[in-house]
């Protein structure tokens, strides 16, 4: 599983709950479904590291969503 976060700047989707784990890195143009069933298109993927309090770094992706 790949850990990540989804984000969007669309006002109508700000309260949606998006996935935090993925089977594979989503590709641009694919759609991601919120828990409510609403979907948005992947417009960019950013590979990042999440730093924990112990100094550990874990890879994750940031998935930017839009219509």
Protein backbone atom coordinates (compact mmCIF):
# COMPACT_ATOMS: atom_id res chain seq x y z
CA UNK A 1 0.00 0.00 0.00
CA UNK A 2 1.11 3.52 -0.77
CA UNK A 3 0.34 6.22 1.77
CA UNK A 4 -0.76 9.60 0.54
CA UNK A 5 -3.08 12.54 0.87
CA UNK A 6 -5.54 14.03 -1.58
CA UNK A 7 -6.14 17.73 -1.85
CA UNK A 8 -8.26 20.04 -3.95
CA UNK A 9 -8.97 23.75 -4.00
CA UNK A 10 -12.60 23.29 -5.11
CA UNK A 11 -15.03 24.72 -2.55
CA UNK A 12 -17.75 22.11 -3.19
CA UNK A 13 -15.36 19.30 -2.22
CA UNK A 14 -13.64 20.76 0.88
CA UNK A 15 -15.61 18.60 3.35
CA UNK A 16 -15.14 15.33 1.48
CA UNK A 17 -13.12 12.47 2.98
CA UNK A 18 -10.56 11.21 0.45
CA UNK A 19 -8.47 8.01 0.50
CA UNK A 20 -5.19 7.99 2.42
CA UNK A 21 -3.84 4.72 1.00
CA UNK A 22 -3.53 3.60 -2.61
CA UNK A 23 -2.83 0.23 -4.30
CA UNK A 24 -0.63 2.02 -6.86
CA UNK A 25 0.39 5.58 -7.60
CA UNK A 26 -2.56 7.14 -9.46
CA UNK A 27 -1.87 8.42 -12.95
CA UNK A 28 -2.86 11.85 -14.23
CA UNK A 29 -6.33 11.66 -15.70
CA UNK A 30 -7.54 8.83 -13.45
CA UNK A 31 -10.38 9.52 -11.04
CA UNK A 32 -10.32 9.22 -7.24
CA UNK A 33 -13.51 8.56 -5.29
CA UNK A 34 -14.35 10.22 -1.96
CA UNK A 35 -16.10 8.17 0.72
CA UNK A 36 -19.37 9.84 -0.34
CA UNK A 37 -18.97 8.53 -3.91
CA UNK A 38 -18.08 11.89 -5.49
CA UNK A 39 -15.10 11.66 -7.84
CA UNK A 40 -12.45 14.07 -9.07
CA UNK A 41 -9.68 13.71 -11.64
CA UNK A 42 -5.98 13.46 -10.73
CA UNK A 43 -4.20 16.53 -12.13
CA UNK A 44 -0.78 16.12 -10.47
CA UNK A 45 1.23 13.77 -8.24
CA UNK A 46 3.96 14.97 -5.89
CA UNK A 47 6.34 12.48 -4.29
CA UNK A 48 7.24 13.58 -0.75
CA UNK A 49 8.52 12.36 2.61
CA UNK A 50 6.64 12.55 5.86
CA UNK A 51 8.94 13.24 8.80
CA UNK A 52 7.86 11.79 12.15
CA UNK A 53 8.84 13.07 15.61
CA UNK A 54 11.57 10.43 15.95
CA UNK A 55 13.24 11.74 12.79
CA UNK A 56 12.02 8.82 10.68
CA UNK A 57 11.13 9.65 7.08
CA UNK A 58 8.45 7.72 5.22
CA UNK A 59 7.61 8.19 1.54
CA UNK A 60 4.13 9.34 0.57
CA UNK A 61 2.37 10.92 -2.35
CA UNK A 62 0.32 14.09 -2.57
CA UNK A 63 -2.52 13.74 -5.08
CA UNK A 64 -3.94 17.00 -6.46
CA UNK A 65 -7.55 16.63 -7.60
CA UNK A 66 -9.74 18.81 -9.81
CA UNK A 67 -12.71 18.47 -12.19
